[in-house]
Protein backbone atom coordinates (compact mmCIF):
# COMPACT_ATOMS: atom_id res chain seq x y z
CA MET A 1 110.11 94.58 99.52
CA LYS A 2 109.67 97.46 100.92
CA ARG A 3 110.17 98.74 104.80
CA ARG A 4 106.28 98.58 105.41
CA GLN A 5 105.81 95.40 103.65
CA LEU A 6 108.85 93.42 105.91
CA ILE A 7 106.67 94.96 109.43
CA GLN A 8 103.75 93.62 107.93
CA ALA A 9 104.98 90.42 106.86
CA ALA A 10 106.86 89.78 110.08
CA ALA A 11 103.08 90.69 112.09
CA ALA A 12 101.76 88.08 110.01
CA ALA A 13 104.24 85.83 111.01
CA PHE A 14 103.30 86.18 114.46
CA ALA A 15 99.53 85.95 113.55
CA ALA A 16 100.21 82.73 112.24
CA GLY A 17 101.01 81.27 115.68
CA GLY A 18 103.51 79.45 116.98
CA LEU A 19 107.70 80.22 117.01
CA PRO A 20 108.50 81.90 113.89
CA HIS A 21 111.52 80.24 112.06
CA PHE A 22 114.68 81.81 110.24
CA ALA A 23 113.71 81.87 106.27
CA ASN A 24 117.01 81.54 104.45
CA ALA A 25 119.56 82.28 107.53
CA GLN A 26 122.11 79.62 107.95
CA GLU A 27 121.50 77.73 111.52
CA SER A 28 125.44 77.76 112.11
CA ARG A 29 125.92 81.52 111.47
CA PRO A 30 125.83 83.66 114.88
CA LEU A 31 123.46 86.16 115.20
CA ARG A 32 125.29 89.56 115.84
CA ILE A 33 124.12 92.36 117.85
CA LEU A 34 125.99 95.46 116.81
CA LEU A 35 126.51 97.70 119.99
CA PRO A 36 127.02 101.47 119.17
CA PHE A 37 128.80 102.52 122.48
CA THR A 38 131.76 100.54 124.50
CA ALA A 39 131.19 97.78 126.84
CA GLY A 40 129.96 98.42 130.13
CA GLY A 41 126.95 100.30 129.56
CA PRO A 42 123.57 100.21 129.99
CA ILE A 43 123.08 99.15 126.28
CA ASP A 44 125.97 96.62 126.93
CA VAL A 45 124.47 95.37 130.37
CA ALA A 46 121.12 94.83 128.33
CA ALA A 47 122.04 93.42 124.81
CA ARG A 48 124.55 90.59 127.18
CA LEU A 49 121.13 89.98 129.29
CA ILE A 50 118.95 89.10 126.90
CA SER A 51 121.40 87.41 124.46
CA PRO A 52 121.71 84.01 126.06
CA SER A 53 117.96 83.52 126.05
CA MET A 54 117.85 84.41 122.60
CA SER A 55 120.28 82.30 121.84
CA ARG A 56 118.47 79.26 123.08
CA THR A 57 115.34 79.94 121.47
CA LEU A 58 116.61 80.87 118.17
CA GLY A 59 119.14 77.55 118.61
CA ARG A 60 122.10 79.57 117.11
CA THR A 61 124.60 81.53 118.80
CA VAL A 62 124.10 85.06 119.70
CA LEU A 63 127.40 87.54 119.74
CA VAL A 64 127.38 90.82 121.27
CA ASP A 65 129.85 92.82 119.10
CA ASN A 66 130.57 96.12 120.56
CA ARG A 67 131.40 98.98 117.58
CA PRO A 68 131.58 102.42 119.61
CA GLY A 69 132.44 105.59 118.12
CA ALA A 70 130.77 108.52 115.73
CA ALA A 71 127.95 108.78 118.55
CA GLY A 72 126.84 105.16 117.11
CA LEU A 73 127.12 106.01 113.36
CA ILE A 74 130.20 103.26 112.98
CA ALA A 75 127.89 100.15 114.02
CA THR A 76 124.84 101.93 112.49
CA LYS A 77 126.74 102.10 108.93
CA ALA A 78 127.99 98.52 109.85
CA LEU A 79 124.28 97.43 109.81
CA GLN A 80 123.40 99.65 106.92
CA THR A 81 125.45 97.42 104.55
CA PRO A 82 125.78 94.32 106.31
CA ALA A 83 127.70 91.07 104.62
CA GLY A 84 125.88 88.26 103.62
CA ASP A 85 121.85 87.97 103.06
CA GLY A 86 121.53 90.84 105.60
CA SER A 87 119.74 88.29 108.31
CA THR A 88 122.69 87.89 110.66
CA SER A 89 123.01 91.42 112.26
CA VAL A 90 121.11 93.69 114.10
CA MET A 91 121.71 96.63 116.21
CA MET A 92 120.40 97.64 119.62
CA THR A 93 120.09 101.57 119.93
CA TYR A 94 118.52 103.86 121.30
CA ILE A 95 117.15 107.67 120.79
CA ALA A 96 120.79 108.75 118.97
CA PHE A 97 120.02 106.54 116.14
CA VAL A 98 117.04 108.57 115.28
CA GLY A 99 119.16 111.98 116.06
CA LEU A 100 122.11 110.98 113.78
CA PRO A 101 121.14 112.17 110.29
CA TYR A 102 120.01 115.75 111.82
CA LEU A 103 123.41 116.88 112.81
CA GLN A 104 126.19 114.56 111.26
CA LYS A 105 126.61 114.92 107.27
CA SER A 106 128.10 111.28 107.32
CA ALA A 107 124.57 110.00 108.67
CA THR A 108 123.56 109.30 105.11
CA TYR A 109 120.31 107.42 106.39
CA ASP A 110 116.79 107.54 107.07
CA PRO A 111 115.94 106.09 110.12
CA VAL A 112 112.27 105.67 109.33
CA LYS A 113 112.98 103.78 105.69
CA ASP A 114 116.09 102.12 105.53
CA PHE A 115 116.12 99.85 108.57
CA VAL A 116 113.51 97.35 109.84
CA PRO A 117 112.34 97.47 113.58
CA VAL A 118 112.81 94.05 115.37
CA ALA A 119 111.94 95.01 119.01
CA GLY A 120 111.67 97.10 121.58
CA VAL A 121 113.32 96.21 124.44
CA ALA A 122 113.43 98.57 127.28
CA ASP A 123 112.14 102.27 128.16
CA GLY A 124 114.66 104.48 130.09
CA PRO A 125 114.41 108.30 131.12
CA ALA A 126 117.61 110.09 131.22
CA TYR A 127 118.62 112.07 134.45
CA VAL A 128 120.85 114.97 134.54
CA TYR A 129 124.31 114.59 136.84
CA LEU A 130 126.43 116.69 138.12
CA ASN A 131 130.22 117.05 139.20
CA ALA A 132 129.94 117.39 143.15
CA ASN A 133 132.11 120.30 143.38
CA VAL A 134 129.95 122.29 141.50
CA PRO A 135 128.06 124.59 144.11
CA ALA A 136 124.71 123.41 143.51
CA LYS A 137 122.15 121.50 145.06
CA ASN A 138 119.21 121.27 142.62
CA MET A 139 118.78 122.56 139.22
CA ALA A 140 117.27 126.02 139.84
CA GLU A 141 120.67 126.65 141.87
CA PHE A 142 122.41 124.84 138.83
CA ILE A 143 120.54 127.34 136.14
CA ALA A 144 121.84 130.23 138.26
CA TRP A 145 125.64 129.38 138.67
CA ALA A 146 126.06 128.48 135.08
CA LYS A 147 125.04 131.95 134.22
CA THR A 148 127.73 133.60 136.45
CA GLN A 149 130.34 131.16 134.62
CA LYS A 150 132.17 133.60 132.11
CA ASN A 151 133.02 130.35 129.87
CA ALA A 152 130.57 127.45 128.40
CA VAL A 153 129.92 124.58 131.13
CA GLU A 154 131.15 121.38 129.96
CA SER A 155 129.03 118.52 129.29
CA ALA A 156 129.99 115.03 128.71
CA THR A 157 128.45 114.00 125.52
CA SER A 158 128.89 111.00 123.11
CA GLY A 159 129.31 113.00 120.15
CA PRO A 160 127.56 114.98 117.59
CA GLY A 161 124.11 113.37 116.81
CA GLY A 162 123.93 111.08 120.19
CA GLY A 163 121.48 111.73 122.87
CA SER A 164 123.85 113.31 125.54
CA HIS A 165 124.81 115.81 122.82
CA MET A 166 121.21 116.36 121.67
CA TRP A 167 120.14 116.85 125.16
CA THR A 168 122.86 119.07 126.06
CA LEU A 169 121.37 121.51 123.66
CA LEU A 170 117.84 121.14 124.34
CA LEU A 171 118.79 122.18 128.12
CA ALA A 172 120.56 125.85 127.57
CA LYS A 173 118.32 126.31 124.80
CA ARG A 174 115.30 125.76 127.50
CA ALA A 175 117.46 126.93 130.62
CA GLY A 176 118.88 130.10 128.77
CA ILE A 177 122.51 128.65 129.78
CA ASN A 178 125.81 128.46 127.97
CA LEU A 179 126.64 124.65 127.58
CA LEU A 180 129.51 123.06 125.84
CA PRO A 181 129.13 119.60 124.25
CA VAL A 182 132.51 118.06 124.85
CA PRO A 183 132.65 114.14 122.93
CA TYR A 184 133.80 111.09 124.29
CA LYS A 185 134.10 107.30 122.86
CA GLY A 186 131.49 105.92 125.61
CA SER A 187 130.17 106.22 128.75
CA SER A 188 133.25 105.11 131.29
CA GLU A 189 134.74 107.84 129.38
CA MET A 190 132.21 109.93 129.86
CA THR A 191 131.65 109.29 133.63
CA THR A 192 135.30 109.85 134.34
CA ALA A 193 135.27 113.40 132.83
CA VAL A 194 132.65 114.55 134.82
CA LEU A 195 134.24 112.83 137.67
CA MET A 196 137.65 114.50 137.17
CA GLY A 197 135.78 117.74 137.02
CA ASP A 198 137.16 118.24 133.03
CA CYS A 199 133.17 118.38 132.57
CA LYS A 200 130.66 119.26 134.79
CA ILE A 201 127.48 117.70 133.67
CA LEU A 202 126.35 115.05 132.25
CA ILE A 203 123.13 114.23 130.69
CA ALA A 204 122.64 110.20 130.21
CA ASN A 205 120.77 107.04 131.19
CA ALA A 206 120.70 106.30 134.83
CA SER A 207 123.60 103.19 135.68
CA GLU A 208 124.60 101.33 138.67
CA ALA A 209 128.10 102.69 137.92
CA LEU A 210 126.87 106.58 138.03
CA ASN A 211 124.62 105.89 140.64
CA ALA A 212 127.34 104.48 142.79
CA GLN A 213 129.42 107.60 142.49
CA VAL A 214 126.11 109.57 143.63
CA ARG A 215 125.83 107.44 146.80
CA ALA A 216 129.96 107.81 147.22
CA GLY A 217 129.21 111.99 147.25
CA LYS A 218 131.67 112.60 143.83
CA LEU A 219 128.46 113.17 141.95
CA ARG A 220 125.08 114.54 142.35
CA ILE A 221 121.60 113.69 140.78
CA LEU A 222 119.90 116.98 139.54
CA GLY A 223 116.75 115.43 138.23
CA VAL A 224 114.81 113.01 135.80
CA THR A 225 114.18 113.77 132.03
CA SER A 226 110.61 112.27 132.12
CA ASP A 227 107.22 113.92 132.62
CA HIS A 228 106.68 112.77 135.85
CA PRO A 229 108.41 111.18 138.87
CA SER A 230 110.31 107.58 138.05
CA ALA A 231 109.38 104.58 140.19
CA LEU A 232 113.12 103.50 139.65
CA THR A 233 114.49 106.36 141.42
CA PRO A 234 112.11 107.65 143.96
CA GLY A 235 112.66 111.20 145.58
CA VAL A 236 114.76 112.59 142.28
CA PRO A 237 112.85 115.56 141.14
CA VAL A 238 111.52 115.90 137.68
CA ILE A 239 113.74 118.89 135.59
CA ALA A 240 110.30 119.92 133.48
CA ASP A 241 109.09 121.32 136.69
CA THR A 242 112.02 123.81 136.67
CA VAL A 243 113.13 123.83 133.24
CA LYS A 244 110.12 123.61 130.96
CA ASP A 245 109.50 121.11 128.41
CA PHE A 246 112.84 119.45 129.25
CA VAL A 247 111.22 116.10 128.63
CA ILE A 248 113.52 112.96 127.05
CA GLN A 249 111.96 109.58 127.17
CA GLY A 250 114.22 107.67 125.54
CA TRP A 251 114.24 103.63 124.31
CA TYR A 252 116.40 100.73 123.49
CA GLY A 253 115.51 98.45 120.98
CA LEU A 254 116.97 95.96 117.95
CA ILE A 255 117.03 97.39 114.57
CA GLY A 256 117.39 95.07 111.29
CA PRO A 257 119.24 95.91 108.24
CA ALA A 258 116.97 96.56 105.33
CA SER A 259 117.73 93.24 103.72
CA MET A 260 116.45 91.36 106.70
CA PRO A 261 114.02 88.75 105.80
CA PRO A 262 110.45 89.27 107.28
CA ALA A 263 110.45 85.54 108.74
CA ASP A 264 114.01 86.47 110.47
CA VAL A 265 112.71 89.81 111.87
CA ALA A 266 109.54 87.56 113.41
CA ALA A 267 111.73 84.79 115.01
CA ILE A 268 114.55 87.22 116.41
CA SER A 269 111.36 89.70 117.68
CA ALA A 270 109.93 86.39 119.18
CA ALA A 271 113.39 85.52 120.76
CA VAL A 272 113.49 88.76 122.44
CA LYS A 273 109.92 88.50 123.24
CA THR A 274 110.65 85.20 125.47
CA ALA A 275 113.73 86.79 126.76
CA LEU A 276 111.95 89.79 128.47
CA ALA A 277 109.69 87.41 130.21
CA GLU A 278 112.26 85.03 132.19
CA PRO A 279 112.15 84.99 135.45
CA GLY A 280 114.18 88.30 137.25
CA VAL A 281 114.86 89.80 133.95
CA ARG A 282 112.76 92.71 134.82
CA GLU A 283 114.63 93.12 138.51
CA LYS A 284 118.16 93.17 136.46
CA PHE A 285 116.82 96.12 134.24
CA GLU A 286 115.72 97.68 137.21
CA VAL A 287 118.74 97.53 138.60
CA MET A 288 120.18 99.29 135.55
CA PHE A 289 117.56 101.75 136.08
CA MET A 290 115.75 100.66 132.69
CA GLU A 291 111.97 99.51 132.48
CA PRO A 292 111.88 96.07 130.68
CA ARG A 293 109.04 96.63 127.52
CA TYR A 294 108.55 94.54 124.44
CA MET A 295 107.47 96.40 121.39
CA SER A 296 106.51 93.88 117.95
CA PRO A 297 107.90 95.10 115.03
CA PRO A 298 104.81 97.28 114.20
CA GLU A 299 104.95 98.97 117.74
CA PHE A 300 108.44 99.87 117.55
CA ALA A 301 108.02 101.19 114.05
CA THR A 302 105.58 103.59 115.58
CA ALA A 303 107.52 104.49 118.31
CA ILE A 304 110.97 105.19 115.69
CA GLY A 305 108.25 107.56 114.04
CA LYS A 306 107.28 109.31 117.03
CA THR A 307 111.14 109.49 118.12
CA ASN A 308 111.94 110.84 114.52
CA ALA A 309 109.10 113.39 114.63
CA PHE A 310 110.69 114.54 117.94
CA TYR A 311 113.80 115.14 116.79
CA LYS A 312 112.75 117.41 113.71
CA ARG A 313 110.89 119.31 115.80
CA LEU A 314 114.25 119.71 118.58
CA VAL A 315 116.46 120.53 115.68
CA ALA A 316 114.38 123.11 114.24
CA ASP A 317 113.92 124.57 117.69
CA ILE A 318 117.58 124.52 118.55
CA GLY A 319 118.67 125.75 115.14
CA VAL A 320 121.41 123.00 114.68
CA THR A 321 122.55 122.34 110.91
CA PRO A 322 124.71 118.99 109.91
CA GLN A 323 128.30 119.32 110.59
């Protein structure tokens, strides 16, 4: 069954009314949420926040399975060729999922055609964090300082194809400065690198861990990458006001393998919707500087398509080729 037919079948299951049930999965088998990054980051916390509710709704254990490395490619490949009937694996990811094939030759998949969108979970813009020892209080001052440096300014990233890597290249292009993407395995290592001064900046989704370092005076927020001020971080300036067209709005969601039956897609998607509607969930997401937003399979497919188009334009604009 083609991807579009899978999405349409999942949508039909919702339209039929009532909570969808698994079509052919063994209820005793756990549902695994494969995470492309290490434990402790926003994506990990979000998965662990919704998994207990999903487990209750689905009547089966939901396991969070961290598979960090290669900017998310390890987890994505595990999802691309799942064991069994394909109904027991999903992956929570964000904008990096779409970018990998554009920067990594080993990422031999099509994000639009080779997977099934299950459910959108949350939205969240990225922020530009700066080591507090850098003599710059805002983005304009940082750009001026960077232009005085003999060597490229180090930027902590999750590796080629990852969101932070692409955002670093985009900022360098838009601001006319020399930035060096330095790869790390996960958010904690990236944060440590900037705190220690091994890297000077980090472009990443906000987290309480990062903002705690801002309050401690060890990091500085230069701005948010959305096209408007974020209600989650009042008073933080918009980067695009200084760097034209530097706008990034990422999403988090669940992606299924191509072999996932439509009824299973519908059941998992409905469980996500239920989890996001539970009391207190919005507040917990906002503490992580994410806006919970459920998207059905067809809506999520549209979002992925738009992100893919964004990456296609971005890669052409910054002139990078897969390594």
